[in-house]
Amino acid sequence: MYATALLQGLVEESYMKFPVFIDSPMQKFDIDHAHNIVKHFYPEVSEQVILFPLIKKEMSLEEYSLLLPYVSNAYLLDNTDNDCTAFKHVETNNLFSEFEKMNVYAN
C-alpha cells in the first residue's frame, strides 16, 4: 500500500505524463483492497499503465474484468522452446482463455 501511495504521489506532483510499469500488481492485497486498486487506482494513476501480473495467481478473471474497459492491449509470454520466450499478442477479451489454452498441459 505504501509503494502504491508513493507512486501516485510521484505522478501527481511531477506534472509529467509518463508510463507507469507495475510488476506483481496484486501480490500483497486482500480481495477488497485488490478490487479497490483495480477500480480506482490503476485507471487513474497515469495515462499509460503497464501491469505484469501472474495470471490467475496475482490477478483473477474478476479483477481483470474490472480493468477490461481500460485495457488497450494484452500479451502473454510464450515459451516457444527452452531457449526462447516471445510476447504473444492476444485479444483483450480473450486473455484468460488464451492463457488456459497455452497452459493446458502445464503441471
PDB file of N, CA and C in Angstrom:
ATOM      1  N   MET A   1       0.830  -1.194   0.000  1.00  0.00           N
ATOM      2  CA  MET A   1       0.000   0.000   0.000  1.00  0.00           C
ATOM      3  C   MET A   1       0.873   1.255   0.000  1.00  0.00           C
ATOM      4  N   TYR A   2       1.977   1.214   0.763  1.00  0.00           N
ATOM      5  CA  TYR A   2       2.862   2.375   0.818  1.00  0.00           C
ATOM      6  C   TYR A   2       3.437   2.682  -0.567  1.00  0.00           C
ATOM      7  N   ALA A   3       3.938   1.658  -1.250  1.00  0.00           N
ATOM      8  CA  ALA A   3       4.527   1.861  -2.579  1.00  0.00           C
ATOM      9  C   ALA A   3       3.490   2.400  -3.562  1.00  0.00           C
ATOM     10  N   THR A   4       2.270   1.920  -3.466  1.00  0.00           N
ATOM     11  CA  THR A   4       1.196   2.380  -4.343  1.00  0.00           C
ATOM     12  C   THR A   4       0.894   3.850  -4.075  1.00  0.00           C
ATOM     13  N   ALA A   5       0.811   4.229  -2.807  1.00  0.00           N
ATOM     14  CA  ALA A   5       0.554   5.626  -2.452  1.00  0.00           C
ATOM     15  C   ALA A   5       1.714   6.518  -2.886  1.00  0.00           C
ATOM     16  N   LEU A   6       2.939   6.036  -2.717  1.00  0.00           N
ATOM     17  CA  LEU A   6       4.115   6.797  -3.128  1.00  0.00           C
ATOM     18  C   LEU A   6       4.115   7.007  -4.640  1.00  0.00           C
ATOM     19  N   LEU A   7       3.801   5.971  -5.381  1.00  0.00           N
ATOM     20  CA  LEU A   7       3.743   6.067  -6.841  1.00  0.00           C
ATOM     21  C   LEU A   7       2.718   7.107  -7.270  1.00  0.00           C
ATOM     22  N   GLN A   8       1.539   7.072  -6.686  1.00  0.00           N
ATOM     23  CA  GLN A   8       0.513   8.042  -7.055  1.00  0.00           C
ATOM     24  C   GLN A   8       0.962   9.460  -6.715  1.00  0.00           C
ATOM     25  N   GLY A   9       1.600   9.631  -5.586  1.00  0.00           N
ATOM     26  CA  GLY A   9       2.105  10.950  -5.205  1.00  0.00           C
ATOM     27  C   GLY A   9       3.147  11.465  -6.179  1.00  0.00           C
ATOM     28  N   LEU A  10       4.053  10.593  -6.612  1.00  0.00           N
ATOM     29  CA  LEU A  10       5.079  10.998  -7.581  1.00  0.00           C
ATOM     30  C   LEU A  10       4.456  11.420  -8.908  1.00  0.00           C
ATOM     31  N   VAL A  11       3.474  10.678  -9.361  1.00  0.00           N
ATOM     32  CA  VAL A  11       2.807  11.012 -10.620  1.00  0.00           C
ATOM     33  C   VAL A  11       2.088  12.351 -10.505  1.00  0.00           C
ATOM     34  N   GLU A  12       1.362  12.540  -9.406  1.00  0.00           N
ATOM     35  CA  GLU A  12       0.596  13.784  -9.221  1.00  0.00           C
ATOM     36  C   GLU A  12       1.507  15.004  -9.103  1.00  0.00           C
ATOM     37  N   GLU A  13       2.589  14.883  -8.349  1.00  0.00           N
ATOM     38  CA  GLU A  13       3.457  16.023  -8.090  1.00  0.00           C
ATOM     39  C   GLU A  13       4.413  16.343  -9.233  1.00  0.00           C
ATOM     40  N   SER A  14       4.691  15.383 -10.092  1.00  0.00           N
ATOM     41  CA  SER A  14       5.656  15.615 -11.163  1.00  0.00           C
ATOM     42  C   SER A  14       5.055  16.405 -12.320  1.00  0.00           C
ATOM     43  N   TYR A  15       3.750  16.362 -12.478  1.00  0.00           N
ATOM     44  CA  TYR A  15       3.049  17.004 -13.598  1.00  0.00           C
ATOM     45  C   TYR A  15       3.577  16.509 -14.947  1.00  0.00           C
ATOM     46  N   MET A  16       4.193  15.336 -14.944  1.00  0.00           N
ATOM     47  CA  MET A  16       4.692  14.740 -16.179  1.00  0.00           C
ATOM     48  C   MET A  16       3.816  13.550 -16.530  1.00  0.00           C
ATOM     49  N   LYS A  17       3.636  13.343 -17.815  1.00  0.00           N
ATOM     50  CA  LYS A  17       2.849  12.210 -18.280  1.00  0.00           C
ATOM     51  C   LYS A  17       3.817  11.124 -18.736  1.00  0.00           C
ATOM     52  N   PHE A  18       4.096  10.203 -17.842  1.00  0.00           N
ATOM     53  CA  PHE A  18       5.000   9.113 -18.179  1.00  0.00           C
ATOM     54  C   PHE A  18       4.308   7.788 -17.900  1.00  0.00           C
ATOM     55  N   PRO A  19       4.719   6.739 -18.611  1.00  0.00           N
ATOM     56  CA  PRO A  19       4.089   5.435 -18.363  1.00  0.00           C
ATOM     57  C   PRO A  19       4.505   4.881 -17.005  1.00  0.00           C
ATOM     58  N   VAL A  20       3.597   4.155 -16.409  1.00  0.00           N
ATOM     59  CA  VAL A  20       3.848   3.517 -15.113  1.00  0.00           C
ATOM     60  C   VAL A  20       3.874   2.013 -15.342  1.00  0.00           C
ATOM     61  N   PHE A  21       4.950   1.367 -14.897  1.00  0.00           N
ATOM     62  CA  PHE A  21       5.108  -0.077 -15.007  1.00  0.00           C
ATOM     63  C   PHE A  21       4.967  -0.675 -13.617  1.00  0.00           C
ATOM     64  N   ILE A  22       4.082  -1.675 -13.479  1.00  0.00           N
ATOM     65  CA  ILE A  22       3.840  -2.287 -12.170  1.00  0.00           C
ATOM     66  C   ILE A  22       3.972  -3.798 -12.301  1.00  0.00           C
ATOM     67  N   ASP A  23       4.985  -4.344 -11.632  1.00  0.00           N
ATOM     68  CA  ASP A  23       5.223  -5.781 -11.628  1.00  0.00           C
ATOM     69  C   ASP A  23       4.559  -6.370 -10.382  1.00  0.00           C
ATOM     70  N   SER A  24       3.961  -7.537 -10.526  1.00  0.00           N
ATOM     71  CA  SER A  24       3.244  -8.202  -9.425  1.00  0.00           C
ATOM     72  C   SER A  24       2.230  -7.253  -8.793  1.00  0.00           C
ATOM     73  N   PRO A  25       1.284  -6.760  -9.577  1.00  0.00           N
ATOM     74  CA  PRO A  25       0.417  -5.673  -9.127  1.00  0.00           C
ATOM     75  C   PRO A  25      -0.545  -6.017  -7.996  1.00  0.00           C
ATOM     76  N   MET A  26      -0.883  -7.270  -7.802  1.00  0.00           N
ATOM     77  CA  MET A  26      -1.885  -7.610  -6.798  1.00  0.00           C
ATOM     78  C   MET A  26      -1.337  -8.545  -5.729  1.00  0.00           C
ATOM     79  N   GLN A  27      -0.048  -8.705  -5.671  1.00  0.00           N
ATOM     80  CA  GLN A  27       0.561  -9.736  -4.848  1.00  0.00           C
ATOM     81  C   GLN A  27       0.226  -9.626  -3.360  1.00  0.00           C
ATOM     82  N   LYS A  28       0.206  -8.452  -2.818  1.00  0.00           N
ATOM     83  CA  LYS A  28       0.056  -8.293  -1.371  1.00  0.00           C
ATOM     84  C   LYS A  28      -1.317  -7.814  -0.920  1.00  0.00           C
ATOM     85  N   PHE A  29      -2.275  -7.731  -1.840  1.00  0.00           N
ATOM     86  CA  PHE A  29      -3.578  -7.188  -1.481  1.00  0.00           C
ATOM     87  C   PHE A  29      -4.583  -8.291  -1.192  1.00  0.00           C
ATOM     88  N   ASP A  30      -5.442  -8.051  -0.187  1.00  0.00           N
ATOM     89  CA  ASP A  30      -6.574  -8.948   0.008  1.00  0.00           C
ATOM     90  C   ASP A  30      -7.626  -8.607  -1.045  1.00  0.00           C
ATOM     91  N   ILE A  31      -8.689  -9.378  -1.105  1.00  0.00           N
ATOM     92  CA  ILE A  31      -9.684  -9.246  -2.179  1.00  0.00           C
ATOM     93  C   ILE A  31     -10.324  -7.850  -2.207  1.00  0.00           C
ATOM     94  N   ASP A  32     -10.640  -7.284  -1.047  1.00  0.00           N
ATOM     95  CA  ASP A  32     -11.277  -5.963  -1.013  1.00  0.00           C
ATOM     96  C   ASP A  32     -10.333  -4.877  -1.508  1.00  0.00           C
ATOM     97  N   HIS A  33      -9.086  -4.909  -1.036  1.00  0.00           N
ATOM     98  CA  HIS A  33      -8.127  -3.902  -1.482  1.00  0.00           C
ATOM     99  C   HIS A  33      -7.791  -4.082  -2.961  1.00  0.00           C
ATOM    100  N   ALA A  34      -7.703  -5.316  -3.408  1.00  0.00           N
ATOM    101  CA  ALA A  34      -7.411  -5.585  -4.822  1.00  0.00           C
ATOM    102  C   ALA A  34      -8.491  -4.980  -5.708  1.00  0.00           C
ATOM    103  N   HIS A  35      -9.744  -5.176  -5.357  1.00  0.00           N
ATOM    104  CA  HIS A  35     -10.840  -4.614  -6.160  1.00  0.00           C
ATOM    105  C   HIS A  35     -10.784  -3.085  -6.164  1.00  0.00           C
ATOM    106  N   ASN A  36     -10.496  -2.481  -5.026  1.00  0.00           N
ATOM    107  CA  ASN A  36     -10.405  -1.023  -4.963  1.00  0.00           C
ATOM    108  C   ASN A  36      -9.249  -0.494  -5.801  1.00  0.00           C
ATOM    109  N   ILE A  37      -8.108  -1.177  -5.748  1.00  0.00           N
ATOM    110  CA  ILE A  37      -6.951  -0.768  -6.542  1.00  0.00           C
ATOM    111  C   ILE A  37      -7.281  -0.864  -8.031  1.00  0.00           C
ATOM    112  N   VAL A  38      -7.922  -1.967  -8.431  1.00  0.00           N
ATOM    113  CA  VAL A  38      -8.268  -2.182  -9.840  1.00  0.00           C
ATOM    114  C   VAL A  38      -9.287  -1.147 -10.320  1.00  0.00           C
ATOM    115  N   LYS A  39     -10.281  -0.859  -9.507  1.00  0.00           N
ATOM    116  CA  LYS A  39     -11.346   0.063  -9.925  1.00  0.00           C
ATOM    117  C   LYS A  39     -10.935   1.525  -9.871  1.00  0.00           C
ATOM    118  N   HIS A  40     -10.134   1.899  -8.861  1.00  0.00           N
ATOM    119  CA  HIS A  40      -9.905   3.317  -8.623  1.00  0.00           C
ATOM    120  C   HIS A  40      -8.477   3.792  -8.885  1.00  0.00           C
ATOM    121  N   PHE A  41      -7.481   2.944  -8.648  1.00  0.00           N
ATOM    122  CA  PHE A  41      -6.101   3.402  -8.766  1.00  0.00           C
ATOM    123  C   PHE A  41      -5.524   3.207 -10.160  1.00  0.00           C
ATOM    124  N   TYR A  42      -5.522   1.977 -10.655  1.00  0.00           N
ATOM    125  CA  TYR A  42      -4.879   1.702 -11.942  1.00  0.00           C
ATOM    126  C   TYR A  42      -5.438   2.532 -13.101  1.00  0.00           C
ATOM    127  N   PRO A  43      -6.743   2.726 -13.199  1.00  0.00           N
ATOM    128  CA  PRO A  43      -7.245   3.548 -14.317  1.00  0.00           C
ATOM    129  C   PRO A  43      -6.876   5.032 -14.206  1.00  0.00           C
ATOM    130  N   GLU A  44      -6.491   5.495 -13.016  1.00  0.00           N
ATOM    131  CA  GLU A  44      -6.265   6.920 -12.798  1.00  0.00           C
ATOM    132  C   GLU A  44      -4.820   7.310 -12.546  1.00  0.00           C
ATOM    133  N   VAL A  45      -3.947   6.361 -12.255  1.00  0.00           N
ATOM    134  CA  VAL A  45      -2.594   6.716 -11.820  1.00  0.00           C
ATOM    135  C   VAL A  45      -1.774   7.391 -12.917  1.00  0.00           C
ATOM    136  N   SER A  46      -2.008   7.027 -14.158  1.00  0.00           N
ATOM    137  CA  SER A  46      -1.279   7.636 -15.267  1.00  0.00           C
ATOM    138  C   SER A  46      -2.063   7.378 -16.552  1.00  0.00           C
ATOM    139  N   GLU A  47      -1.674   8.059 -17.617  1.00  0.00           N
ATOM    140  CA  GLU A  47      -2.353   7.838 -18.887  1.00  0.00           C
ATOM    141  C   GLU A  47      -2.034   6.471 -19.469  1.00  0.00           C
ATOM    142  N   GLN A  48      -0.852   5.946 -19.162  1.00  0.00           N
ATOM    143  CA  GLN A  48      -0.463   4.624 -19.641  1.00  0.00           C
ATOM    144  C   GLN A  48       0.078   3.821 -18.466  1.00  0.00           C
ATOM    145  N   VAL A  49      -0.583   2.705 -18.178  1.00  0.00           N
ATOM    146  CA  VAL A  49      -0.185   1.829 -17.087  1.00  0.00           C
ATOM    147  C   VAL A  49       0.058   0.441 -17.663  1.00  0.00           C
ATOM    148  N   ILE A  50       1.225  -0.116 -17.379  1.00  0.00           N
ATOM    149  CA  ILE A  50       1.572  -1.448 -17.865  1.00  0.00           C
ATOM    150  C   ILE A  50       1.687  -2.360 -16.655  1.00  0.00           C
ATOM    151  N   LEU A  51       0.836  -3.380 -16.616  1.00  0.00           N
ATOM    152  CA  LEU A  51       0.817  -4.328 -15.500  1.00  0.00           C
ATOM    153  C   LEU A  51       1.458  -5.639 -15.940  1.00  0.00           C
ATOM    154  N   PHE A  52       2.196  -6.240 -15.026  1.00  0.00           N
ATOM    155  CA  PHE A  52       2.818  -7.542 -15.257  1.00  0.00           C
ATOM    156  C   PHE A  52       2.326  -8.527 -14.187  1.00  0.00           C
ATOM    157  N   PRO A  53       1.079  -8.974 -14.283  1.00  0.00           N
ATOM    158  CA  PRO A  53       0.571  -9.910 -13.257  1.00  0.00           C
ATOM    159  C   PRO A  53       0.835 -11.358 -13.642  1.00  0.00           C
ATOM    160  N   LEU A  54       0.868 -12.212 -12.647  1.00  0.00           N
ATOM    161  CA  LEU A  54       0.805 -13.648 -12.882  1.00  0.00           C
ATOM    162  C   LEU A  54      -0.675 -13.979 -12.991  1.00  0.00           C
ATOM    163  N   ILE A  55      -1.089 -14.406 -14.188  1.00  0.00           N
ATOM    164  CA  ILE A  55      -2.498 -14.680 -14.447  1.00  0.00           C
ATOM    165  C   ILE A  55      -2.994 -15.779 -13.510  1.00  0.00           C
ATOM    166  N   LYS A  56      -4.152 -15.549 -12.936  1.00  0.00           N
ATOM    167  CA  LYS A  56      -4.856 -16.445 -12.015  1.00  0.00           C
ATOM    168  C   LYS A  56      -4.187 -16.552 -10.655  1.00  0.00           C
ATOM    169  N   LYS A  57      -2.992 -15.990 -10.482  1.00  0.00           N
ATOM    170  CA  LYS A  57      -2.341 -16.006  -9.174  1.00  0.00           C
ATOM    171  C   LYS A  57      -2.366 -14.608  -8.558  1.00  0.00           C
ATOM    172  N   GLU A  58      -1.962 -13.623  -9.341  1.00  0.00           N
ATOM    173  CA  GLU A  58      -1.958 -12.245  -8.858  1.00  0.00           C
ATOM    174  C   GLU A  58      -3.122 -11.433  -9.404  1.00  0.00           C
ATOM    175  N   MET A  59      -3.766 -11.935 -10.438  1.00  0.00           N
ATOM    176  CA  MET A  59      -4.935 -11.252 -10.983  1.00  0.00           C
ATOM    177  C   MET A  59      -5.957 -12.293 -11.420  1.00  0.00           C
ATOM    178  N   SER A  60      -7.137 -12.179 -10.855  1.00  0.00           N
ATOM    179  CA  SER A  60      -8.221 -13.107 -11.186  1.00  0.00           C
ATOM    180  C   SER A  60      -8.984 -12.594 -12.408  1.00  0.00           C
ATOM    181  N   LEU A  61      -9.787 -13.452 -12.973  1.00  0.00           N
ATOM    182  CA  LEU A  61     -10.640 -13.062 -14.088  1.00  0.00           C
ATOM    183  C   LEU A  61     -11.587 -11.942 -13.663  1.00  0.00           C
ATOM    184  N   GLU A  62     -12.092 -12.011 -12.456  1.00  0.00           N
ATOM    185  CA  GLU A  62     -12.996 -10.971 -11.954  1.00  0.00           C
ATOM    186  C   GLU A  62     -12.287  -9.618 -11.891  1.00  0.00           C
ATOM    187  N   GLU A  63     -11.052  -9.596 -11.390  1.00  0.00           N
ATOM    188  CA  GLU A  63     -10.299  -8.345 -11.317  1.00  0.00           C
ATOM    189  C   GLU A  63      -9.975  -7.827 -12.717  1.00  0.00           C
ATOM    190  N   TYR A  64      -9.603  -8.737 -13.602  1.00  0.00           N
ATOM    191  CA  TYR A  64      -9.311  -8.337 -14.983  1.00  0.00           C
ATOM    192  C   TYR A  64     -10.567  -7.756 -15.646  1.00  0.00           C
ATOM    193  N   SER A  65     -11.709  -8.329 -15.367  1.00  0.00           N
ATOM    194  CA  SER A  65     -12.964  -7.828 -15.934  1.00  0.00           C
ATOM    195  C   SER A  65     -13.237  -6.388 -15.504  1.00  0.00           C
ATOM    196  N   LEU A  66     -12.840  -6.047 -14.289  1.00  0.00           N
ATOM    197  CA  LEU A  66     -12.993  -4.661 -13.827  1.00  0.00           C
ATOM    198  C   LEU A  66     -12.080  -3.709 -14.605  1.00  0.00           C
ATOM    199  N   LEU A  67     -10.921  -4.189 -14.993  1.00  0.00           N
ATOM    200  CA  LEU A  67      -9.957  -3.382 -15.751  1.00  0.00           C
ATOM    201  C   LEU A  67     -10.238  -3.331 -17.244  1.00  0.00           C
ATOM    202  N   LEU A  68     -10.956  -4.316 -17.749  1.00  0.00           N
ATOM    203  CA  LEU A  68     -11.127  -4.501 -19.187  1.00  0.00           C
ATOM    204  C   LEU A  68     -11.528  -3.245 -19.959  1.00  0.00           C
ATOM    205  N   PRO A  69     -12.413  -2.392 -19.442  1.00  0.00           N
ATOM    206  CA  PRO A  69     -12.745  -1.177 -20.207  1.00  0.00           C
ATOM    207  C   PRO A  69     -11.546  -0.262 -20.459  1.00  0.00           C
ATOM    208  N   TYR A  70     -10.483  -0.418 -19.685  1.00  0.00           N
ATOM    209  CA  TYR A  70      -9.304   0.433 -19.798  1.00  0.00           C
ATOM    210  C   TYR A  70      -8.148  -0.251 -20.540  1.00  0.00           C
ATOM    211  N   VAL A  71      -8.296  -1.512 -20.881  1.00  0.00           N
ATOM    212  CA  VAL A  71      -7.210  -2.281 -21.486  1.00  0.00           C
ATOM    213  C   VAL A  71      -7.199  -2.078 -22.994  1.00  0.00           C
ATOM    214  N   SER A  72      -6.059  -1.655 -23.527  1.00  0.00           N
ATOM    215  CA  SER A  72      -5.959  -1.473 -24.971  1.00  0.00           C
ATOM    216  C   SER A  72      -5.222  -2.624 -25.644  1.00  0.00           C
ATOM    217  N   ASN A  73      -4.316  -3.279 -24.942  1.00  0.00           N
ATOM    218  CA  ASN A  73      -3.567  -4.411 -25.487  1.00  0.00           C
ATOM    219  C   ASN A  73      -3.279  -5.417 -24.383  1.00  0.00           C
ATOM    220  N   ALA A  74      -3.205  -6.671 -24.774  1.00  0.00           N
ATOM    221  CA  ALA A  74      -2.863  -7.730 -23.823  1.00  0.00           C
ATOM    222  C   ALA A  74      -1.869  -8.679 -24.482  1.00  0.00           C
ATOM    223  N   TYR A  75      -0.919  -9.136 -23.698  1.00  0.00           N
ATOM    224  CA  TYR A  75       0.115 -10.039 -24.190  1.00  0.00           C
ATOM    225  C   TYR A  75       0.346 -11.141 -23.168  1.00  0.00           C
ATOM    226  N   LEU A  76       0.739 -12.289 -23.664  1.00  0.00           N
ATOM    227  CA  LEU A  76       1.156 -13.393 -22.828  1.00  0.00           C
ATOM    228  C   LEU A  76       2.590 -13.741 -23.191  1.00  0.00           C
ATOM    229  N   LEU A  77       3.359 -14.197 -22.218  1.00  0.00           N
ATOM    230  CA  LEU A  77       4.691 -14.713 -22.515  1.00  0.00           C
ATOM    231  C   LEU A  77       4.533 -16.130 -23.034  1.00  0.00           C
ATOM    232  N   ASP A  78       5.128 -16.399 -24.173  1.00  0.00           N
ATOM    233  CA  ASP A  78       5.029 -17.702 -24.820  1.00  0.00           C
ATOM    234  C   ASP A  78       6.418 -18.339 -24.863  1.00  0.00           C
ATOM    235  N   ASN A  79       6.606 -19.394 -24.082  1.00  0.00           N
ATOM    236  CA  ASN A  79       7.880 -20.113 -24.090  1.00  0.00           C
ATOM    237  C   ASN A  79       7.902 -21.017 -25.312  1.00  0.00           C
ATOM    238  N   THR A  80       8.472 -20.497 -26.393  1.00  0.00           N
ATOM    239  CA  THR A  80       8.447 -21.220 -27.660  1.00  0.00           C
ATOM    240  C   THR A  80       9.351 -22.443 -27.638  1.00  0.00           C
ATOM    241  N   ASP A  81      10.425 -22.398 -26.875  1.00  0.00           N
ATOM    242  CA  ASP A  81      11.270 -23.572 -26.620  1.00  0.00           C
ATOM    243  C   ASP A  81      12.097 -23.271 -25.376  1.00  0.00           C
ATOM    244  N   ASN A  82      13.027 -24.131 -25.041  1.00  0.00           N
ATOM    245  CA  ASN A  82      13.790 -23.963 -23.801  1.00  0.00           C
ATOM    246  C   ASN A  82      14.658 -22.706 -23.787  1.00  0.00           C
ATOM    247  N   ASP A  83      14.978 -22.191 -24.963  1.00  0.00           N
ATOM    248  CA  ASP A  83      15.882 -21.046 -25.042  1.00  0.00           C
ATOM    249  C   ASP A  83      15.230 -19.759 -25.525  1.00  0.00           C
ATOM    250  N   CYS A  84      13.920 -19.769 -25.686  1.00  0.00           N
ATOM    251  CA  CYS A  84      13.284 -18.591 -26.290  1.00  0.00           C
ATOM    252  C   CYS A  84      11.894 -18.344 -25.697  1.00  0.00           C
ATOM    253  N   THR A  85      11.666 -17.094 -25.351  1.00  0.00           N
ATOM    254  CA  THR A  85      10.355 -16.652 -24.903  1.00  0.00           C
ATOM    255  C   THR A  85       9.965 -15.447 -25.751  1.00  0.00           C
ATOM    256  N   ALA A  86       8.728 -15.419 -26.180  1.00  0.00           N
ATOM    257  CA  ALA A  86       8.243 -14.325 -27.025  1.00  0.00           C
ATOM    258  C   ALA A  86       6.949 -13.759 -26.449  1.00  0.00           C
ATOM    259  N   PHE A  87       6.660 -12.526 -26.819  1.00  0.00           N
ATOM    260  CA  PHE A  87       5.385 -11.926 -26.460  1.00  0.00           C
ATOM    261  C   PHE A  87       4.349 -12.368 -27.478  1.00  0.00           C
ATOM    262  N   LYS A  88       3.219 -12.851 -27.002  1.00  0.00           N
ATOM    263  CA  LYS A  88       2.117 -13.244 -27.872  1.00  0.00           C
ATOM    264  C   LYS A  88       0.970 -12.260 -27.647  1.00  0.00           C
ATOM    265  N   HIS A  89       0.627 -11.515 -28.702  1.00  0.00           N
ATOM    266  CA  HIS A  89      -0.486 -10.581 -28.604  1.00  0.00           C
ATOM    267  C   HIS A  89      -1.787 -11.374 -28.609  1.00  0.00           C
ATOM    268  N   VAL A  90      -2.680 -11.061 -27.679  1.00  0.00           N
ATOM    269  CA  VAL A  90      -3.985 -11.717 -27.612  1.00  0.00           C
ATOM    270  C   VAL A  90      -5.067 -10.641 -27.559  1.00  0.00           C
ATOM    271  N   GLU A  91      -6.248 -10.999 -28.023  1.00  0.00           N
ATOM    272  CA  GLU A  91      -7.379 -10.078 -27.914  1.00  0.00           C
ATOM    273  C   GLU A  91      -7.648  -9.825 -26.428  1.00  0.00           C
ATOM    274  N   THR A  92      -7.940  -8.587 -26.089  1.00  0.00           N
ATOM    275  CA  THR A  92      -8.118  -8.237 -24.680  1.00  0.00           C
ATOM    276  C   THR A  92      -9.218  -9.060 -24.012  1.00  0.00           C
ATOM    277  N   ASN A  93     -10.280  -9.356 -24.745  1.00  0.00           N
ATOM    278  CA  ASN A  93     -11.382 -10.145 -24.177  1.00  0.00           C
ATOM    279  C   ASN A  93     -11.019 -11.617 -23.974  1.00  0.00           C
ATOM    280  N   ASN A  94      -9.940 -12.065 -24.603  1.00  0.00           N
ATOM    281  CA  ASN A  94      -9.592 -13.485 -24.573  1.00  0.00           C
ATOM    282  C   ASN A  94      -8.338 -13.797 -23.764  1.00  0.00           C
ATOM    283  N   LEU A  95      -7.881 -12.876 -22.950  1.00  0.00           N
ATOM    284  CA  LEU A  95      -6.627 -13.085 -22.223  1.00  0.00           C
ATOM    285  C   LEU A  95      -6.647 -14.372 -21.399  1.00  0.00           C
ATOM    286  N   PHE A  96      -7.676 -14.578 -20.621  1.00  0.00           N
ATOM    287  CA  PHE A  96      -7.703 -15.742 -19.735  1.00  0.00           C
ATOM    288  C   PHE A  96      -7.932 -17.034 -20.507  1.00  0.00           C
ATOM    289  N   SER A  97      -8.758 -17.002 -21.533  1.00  0.00           N
ATOM    290  CA  SER A  97      -8.979 -18.221 -22.316  1.00  0.00           C
ATOM    291  C   SER A  97      -7.713 -18.600 -23.094  1.00  0.00           C
ATOM    292  N   GLU A  98      -6.986 -17.618 -23.619  1.00  0.00           N
ATOM    293  CA  GLU A  98      -5.721 -17.905 -24.309  1.00  0.00           C
ATOM    294  C   GLU A  98      -4.679 -18.435 -23.325  1.00  0.00           C
ATOM    295  N   PHE A  99      -4.686 -17.886 -22.130  1.00  0.00           N
ATOM    296  CA  PHE A  99      -3.783 -18.388 -21.088  1.00  0.00           C
ATOM    297  C   PHE A  99      -4.074 -19.860 -20.807  1.00  0.00           C
ATOM    298  N   GLU A 100      -5.349 -20.194 -20.699  1.00  0.00           N
ATOM    299  CA  GLU A 100      -5.740 -21.590 -20.453  1.00  0.00           C
ATOM    300  C   GLU A 100      -5.287 -22.503 -21.588  1.00  0.00           C
ATOM    301  N   LYS A 101      -5.465 -22.058 -22.828  1.00  0.00           N
ATOM    302  CA  LYS A 101      -5.044 -22.859 -23.975  1.00  0.00           C
ATOM    303  C   LYS A 101      -3.535 -23.106 -23.962  1.00  0.00           C
ATOM    304  N   MET A 102      -2.781 -22.071 -23.651  1.00  0.00           N
ATOM    305  CA  MET A 102      -1.322 -22.199 -23.646  1.00  0.00           C
ATOM    306  C   MET A 102      -0.820 -23.074 -22.513  1.00  0.00           C
ATOM    307  N   ASN A 103      -1.596 -23.197 -21.458  1.00  0.00           N
ATOM    308  CA  ASN A 103      -1.144 -23.908 -20.271  1.00  0.00           C
ATOM    309  C   ASN A 103      -1.927 -25.181 -19.986  1.00  0.00           C
ATOM    310  N   VAL A 104      -2.609 -25.705 -20.980  1.00  0.00           N
ATOM    311  CA  VAL A 104      -3.451 -26.874 -20.780  1.00  0.00           C
ATOM    312  C   VAL A 104      -2.654 -28.089 -20.307  1.00  0.00           C
ATOM    313  N   TYR A 105      -1.396 -28.191 -20.721  1.00  0.00           N
ATOM    314  CA  TYR A 105      -0.575 -29.333 -20.326  1.00  0.00           C
ATOM    315  C   TYR A 105       0.451 -28.994 -19.247  1.00  0.00           C
ATOM    316  N   ALA A 106       0.389 -27.786 -18.711  1.00  0.00           N
ATOM    317  CA  ALA A 106       1.347 -27.390 -17.678  1.00  0.00           C
ATOM    318  C   ALA A 106       1.070 -28.113 -16.369  1.00  0.00           C
ATOM    319  N   ASN A 107       2.125 -28.385 -15.659  1.00  0.00           N
ATOM    320  CA  ASN A 107       1.989 -29.045 -14.339  1.00  0.00           C
ATOM    321  C   ASN A 107       1.890 -28.016 -13.252  1.00  0.00           C
TER     322      ASN A 107
END
